[in-house]
């Protein structure tokens, strides 16, 4: 998977959103990396003690 960040768009973002949604971190799946996706990623990282 390539690196995605805020405002990225494409199938990689959709895949990330689908995974986050299945894990309960995100409600809406999209192909755009929004602030909601960014917050979901940060919550996931915090919950799993991942340092970025």
PDB file of N, CA and C in Angstrom:
ATOM      1  N   UNK A   1       0.851  -1.174   0.000  1.00  0.00           N
ATOM      2  CA  UNK A   1       0.000   0.000   0.000  1.00  0.00           C
ATOM      3  C   UNK A   1       0.896   1.236   0.000  1.00  0.00           C
ATOM      4  N   UNK A   2       0.584   2.192  -0.844  1.00  0.00           N
ATOM      5  CA  UNK A   2       1.373   3.418  -0.870  1.00  0.00           C
ATOM      6  C   UNK A   2       0.981   4.328   0.295  1.00  0.00           C
ATOM      7  N   UNK A   3       1.825   5.283   0.593  1.00  0.00           N
ATOM      8  CA  UNK A   3       1.565   6.225   1.674  1.00  0.00           C
ATOM      9  C   UNK A   3       0.420   7.151   1.291  1.00  0.00           C
ATOM     10  N   UNK A   4      -0.528   7.303   2.197  1.00  0.00           N
ATOM     11  CA  UNK A   4      -1.635   8.239   1.981  1.00  0.00           C
ATOM     12  C   UNK A   4      -1.650   9.228   3.137  1.00  0.00           C
ATOM     13  N   UNK A   5      -2.159  10.402   2.856  1.00  0.00           N
ATOM     14  CA  UNK A   5      -2.222  11.456   3.871  1.00  0.00           C
ATOM     15  C   UNK A   5      -3.447  12.313   3.607  1.00  0.00           C
ATOM     16  N   UNK A   6      -3.637  13.304   4.449  1.00  0.00           N
ATOM     17  CA  UNK A   6      -4.786  14.196   4.323  1.00  0.00           C
ATOM     18  C   UNK A   6      -4.912  14.693   2.885  1.00  0.00           C
ATOM     19  N   UNK A   7      -6.096  14.601   2.334  1.00  0.00           N
ATOM     20  CA  UNK A   7      -6.471  15.019   0.977  1.00  0.00           C
ATOM     21  C   UNK A   7      -6.053  14.036  -0.117  1.00  0.00           C
ATOM     22  N   UNK A   8      -5.407  12.910   0.251  1.00  0.00           N
ATOM     23  CA  UNK A   8      -5.118  11.881  -0.750  1.00  0.00           C
ATOM     24  C   UNK A   8      -6.443  11.316  -1.241  1.00  0.00           C
ATOM     25  N   UNK A   9      -6.424  10.759  -2.449  1.00  0.00           N
ATOM     26  CA  UNK A   9      -7.642  10.202  -3.029  1.00  0.00           C
ATOM     27  C   UNK A   9      -7.272   8.962  -3.833  1.00  0.00           C
ATOM     28  N   UNK A  10      -8.143   7.952  -3.764  1.00  0.00           N
ATOM     29  CA  UNK A  10      -7.910   6.778  -4.582  1.00  0.00           C
ATOM     30  C   UNK A  10      -8.278   5.486  -3.885  1.00  0.00           C
ATOM     31  N   UNK A  11      -8.017   4.368  -4.565  1.00  0.00           N
ATOM     32  CA  UNK A  11      -8.411   3.063  -4.034  1.00  0.00           C
ATOM     33  C   UNK A  11      -7.687   2.693  -2.741  1.00  0.00           C
ATOM     34  N   UNK A  12      -6.473   3.194  -2.550  1.00  0.00           N
ATOM     35  CA  UNK A  12      -5.752   2.915  -1.303  1.00  0.00           C
ATOM     36  C   UNK A  12      -6.485   3.514  -0.112  1.00  0.00           C
ATOM     37  N   UNK A  13      -7.035   4.713  -0.304  1.00  0.00           N
ATOM     38  CA  UNK A  13      -7.787   5.379   0.766  1.00  0.00           C
ATOM     39  C   UNK A  13      -9.075   4.607   1.042  1.00  0.00           C
ATOM     40  N   UNK A  14      -9.736   4.146  -0.010  1.00  0.00           N
ATOM     41  CA  UNK A  14     -10.956   3.357   0.162  1.00  0.00           C
ATOM     42  C   UNK A  14     -10.666   2.105   0.984  1.00  0.00           C
ATOM     43  N   UNK A  15      -9.579   1.419   0.664  1.00  0.00           N
ATOM     44  CA  UNK A  15      -9.198   0.215   1.411  1.00  0.00           C
ATOM     45  C   UNK A  15      -8.941   0.542   2.871  1.00  0.00           C
ATOM     46  N   UNK A  16      -8.196   1.609   3.124  1.00  0.00           N
ATOM     47  CA  UNK A  16      -7.930   2.041   4.498  1.00  0.00           C
ATOM     48  C   UNK A  16      -9.234   2.326   5.232  1.00  0.00           C
ATOM     49  N   UNK A  17     -10.144   3.056   4.594  1.00  0.00           N
ATOM     50  CA  UNK A  17     -11.431   3.390   5.214  1.00  0.00           C
ATOM     51  C   UNK A  17     -12.247   2.139   5.519  1.00  0.00           C
ATOM     52  N   UNK A  18     -12.240   1.178   4.602  1.00  0.00           N
ATOM     53  CA  UNK A  18     -12.980  -0.064   4.827  1.00  0.00           C
ATOM     54  C   UNK A  18     -12.441  -0.804   6.047  1.00  0.00           C
ATOM     55  N   UNK A  19     -11.122  -0.851   6.174  1.00  0.00           N
ATOM     56  CA  UNK A  19     -10.507  -1.526   7.327  1.00  0.00           C
ATOM     57  C   UNK A  19     -10.857  -0.797   8.615  1.00  0.00           C
ATOM     58  N   UNK A  20     -10.712   0.524   8.619  1.00  0.00           N
ATOM     59  CA  UNK A  20     -11.035   1.309   9.816  1.00  0.00           C
ATOM     60  C   UNK A  20     -12.511   1.177  10.180  1.00  0.00           C
ATOM     61  N   UNK A  21     -13.382   1.109   9.178  1.00  0.00           N
ATOM     62  CA  UNK A  21     -14.819   0.964   9.434  1.00  0.00           C
ATOM     63  C   UNK A  21     -15.121  -0.400  10.054  1.00  0.00           C
ATOM     64  N   UNK A  22     -14.503  -1.456   9.527  1.00  0.00           N
ATOM     65  CA  UNK A  22     -14.710  -2.799  10.082  1.00  0.00           C
ATOM     66  C   UNK A  22     -14.248  -2.893  11.526  1.00  0.00           C
ATOM     67  N   UNK A  23     -13.244  -2.097  11.862  1.00  0.00           N
ATOM     68  CA  UNK A  23     -12.703  -2.114  13.225  1.00  0.00           C
ATOM     69  C   UNK A  23     -13.429  -1.144  14.153  1.00  0.00           C
ATOM     70  N   UNK A  24     -14.408  -0.404  13.603  1.00  0.00           N
ATOM     71  CA  UNK A  24     -15.206   0.494  14.426  1.00  0.00           C
ATOM     72  C   UNK A  24     -14.631   1.888  14.607  1.00  0.00           C
ATOM     73  N   UNK A  25     -13.633   2.244  13.828  1.00  0.00           N
ATOM     74  CA  UNK A  25     -13.013   3.564  13.952  1.00  0.00           C
ATOM     75  C   UNK A  25     -13.618   4.604  13.019  1.00  0.00           C
ATOM     76  N   UNK A  26     -14.354   4.175  12.035  1.00  0.00           N
ATOM     77  CA  UNK A  26     -14.865   5.090  11.016  1.00  0.00           C
ATOM     78  C   UNK A  26     -16.270   4.667  10.632  1.00  0.00           C
ATOM     79  N   UNK A  27     -17.116   5.639  10.353  1.00  0.00           N
ATOM     80  CA  UNK A  27     -18.500   5.343   9.995  1.00  0.00           C
ATOM     81  C   UNK A  27     -18.678   5.333   8.481  1.00  0.00           C
ATOM     82  N   UNK A  28     -18.123   6.328   7.786  1.00  0.00           N
ATOM     83  CA  UNK A  28     -18.347   6.469   6.352  1.00  0.00           C
ATOM     84  C   UNK A  28     -17.095   6.101   5.551  1.00  0.00           C
ATOM     85  N   UNK A  29     -17.255   5.219   4.578  1.00  0.00           N
ATOM     86  CA  UNK A  29     -16.158   4.823   3.700  1.00  0.00           C
ATOM     87  C   UNK A  29     -16.150   5.744   2.490  1.00  0.00           C
ATOM     88  N   UNK A  30     -14.959   6.228   2.145  1.00  0.00           N
ATOM     89  CA  UNK A  30     -14.806   7.161   1.035  1.00  0.00           C
ATOM     90  C   UNK A  30     -13.475   6.900   0.351  1.00  0.00           C
ATOM     91  N   UNK A  31     -13.287   7.507  -0.818  1.00  0.00           N
ATOM     92  CA  UNK A  31     -11.990   7.404  -1.491  1.00  0.00           C
ATOM     93  C   UNK A  31     -11.136   8.644  -1.253  1.00  0.00           C
ATOM     94  N   UNK A  32     -11.590   9.529  -0.336  1.00  0.00           N
ATOM     95  CA  UNK A  32     -10.860  10.749  -0.005  1.00  0.00           C
ATOM     96  C   UNK A  32     -10.423  10.693   1.456  1.00  0.00           C
ATOM     97  N   UNK A  33      -9.162  10.999   1.705  1.00  0.00           N
ATOM     98  CA  UNK A  33      -8.597  11.001   3.056  1.00  0.00           C
ATOM     99  C   UNK A  33      -8.977  12.325   3.717  1.00  0.00           C
ATOM    100  N   UNK A  34     -10.070  12.300   4.457  1.00  0.00           N
ATOM    101  CA  UNK A  34     -10.603  13.496   5.106  1.00  0.00           C
ATOM    102  C   UNK A  34     -10.050  13.635   6.523  1.00  0.00           C
ATOM    103  N   UNK A  35     -10.443  14.711   7.191  1.00  0.00           N
ATOM    104  CA  UNK A  35     -10.031  14.886   8.590  1.00  0.00           C
ATOM    105  C   UNK A  35     -10.624  13.778   9.459  1.00  0.00           C
ATOM    106  N   UNK A  36     -11.801  13.278   9.101  1.00  0.00           N
ATOM    107  CA  UNK A  36     -12.405  12.169   9.856  1.00  0.00           C
ATOM    108  C   UNK A  36     -11.541  10.912   9.743  1.00  0.00           C
ATOM    109  N   UNK A  37     -11.012  10.659   8.568  1.00  0.00           N
ATOM    110  CA  UNK A  37     -10.127   9.509   8.368  1.00  0.00           C
ATOM    111  C   UNK A  37      -8.837   9.721   9.161  1.00  0.00           C
ATOM    112  N   UNK A  38      -8.315  10.926   9.119  1.00  0.00           N
ATOM    113  CA  UNK A  38      -7.099  11.253   9.867  1.00  0.00           C
ATOM    114  C   UNK A  38      -7.294  11.010  11.363  1.00  0.00           C
ATOM    115  N   UNK A  39      -8.426  11.439  11.892  1.00  0.00           N
ATOM    116  CA  UNK A  39      -8.728  11.234  13.312  1.00  0.00           C
ATOM    117  C   UNK A  39      -8.881   9.747  13.633  1.00  0.00           C
ATOM    118  N   UNK A  40      -9.496   8.993  12.717  1.00  0.00           N
ATOM    119  CA  UNK A  40      -9.660   7.550  12.920  1.00  0.00           C
ATOM    120  C   UNK A  40      -8.302   6.856  12.947  1.00  0.00           C
ATOM    121  N   UNK A  41      -7.410   7.245  12.050  1.00  0.00           N
ATOM    122  CA  UNK A  41      -6.062   6.669  12.019  1.00  0.00           C
ATOM    123  C   UNK A  41      -5.335   6.980  13.324  1.00  0.00           C
ATOM    124  N   UNK A  42      -5.431   8.217  13.777  1.00  0.00           N
ATOM    125  CA  UNK A  42      -4.764   8.606  15.025  1.00  0.00           C
ATOM    126  C   UNK A  42      -5.336   7.849  16.223  1.00  0.00           C
ATOM    127  N   UNK A  43      -6.634   7.626  16.241  1.00  0.00           N
ATOM    128  CA  UNK A  43      -7.254   6.846  17.320  1.00  0.00           C
ATOM    129  C   UNK A  43      -6.747   5.410  17.301  1.00  0.00           C
ATOM    130  N   UNK A  44      -6.692   4.820  16.116  1.00  0.00           N
ATOM    131  CA  UNK A  44      -6.164   3.464  15.967  1.00  0.00           C
ATOM    132  C   UNK A  44      -4.725   3.395  16.471  1.00  0.00           C
ATOM    133  N   UNK A  45      -3.896   4.342  16.038  1.00  0.00           N
ATOM    134  CA  UNK A  45      -2.495   4.364  16.449  1.00  0.00           C
ATOM    135  C   UNK A  45      -2.369   4.491  17.962  1.00  0.00           C
ATOM    136  N   UNK A  46      -3.186   5.333  18.557  1.00  0.00           N
ATOM    137  CA  UNK A  46      -3.155   5.532  20.005  1.00  0.00           C
ATOM    138  C   UNK A  46      -3.585   4.263  20.743  1.00  0.00           C
ATOM    139  N   UNK A  47      -4.664   3.644  20.277  1.00  0.00           N
ATOM    140  CA  UNK A  47      -5.178   2.436  20.922  1.00  0.00           C
ATOM    141  C   UNK A  47      -4.174   1.283  20.893  1.00  0.00           C
ATOM    142  N   UNK A  48      -3.358   1.235  19.849  1.00  0.00           N
ATOM    143  CA  UNK A  48      -2.387   0.156  19.704  1.00  0.00           C
ATOM    144  C   UNK A  48      -0.960   0.600  20.034  1.00  0.00           C
ATOM    145  N   UNK A  49      -0.860   1.763  20.694  1.00  0.00           N
ATOM    146  CA  UNK A  49       0.443   2.296  21.131  1.00  0.00           C
ATOM    147  C   UNK A  49       1.467   2.360  20.000  1.00  0.00           C
ATOM    148  N   UNK A  50       1.006   2.803  18.833  1.00  0.00           N
ATOM    149  CA  UNK A  50       1.899   2.940  17.683  1.00  0.00           C
ATOM    150  C   UNK A  50       2.454   4.358  17.654  1.00  0.00           C
ATOM    151  N   UNK A  51       3.753   4.475  17.615  1.00  0.00           N
ATOM    152  CA  UNK A  51       4.401   5.779  17.570  1.00  0.00           C
ATOM    153  C   UNK A  51       4.714   6.098  16.119  1.00  0.00           C
ATOM    154  N   UNK A  52       4.289   7.282  15.691  1.00  0.00           N
ATOM    155  CA  UNK A  52       4.519   7.679  14.298  1.00  0.00           C
ATOM    156  C   UNK A  52       5.384   8.909  14.270  1.00  0.00           C
TER     157      UNK A  52
END
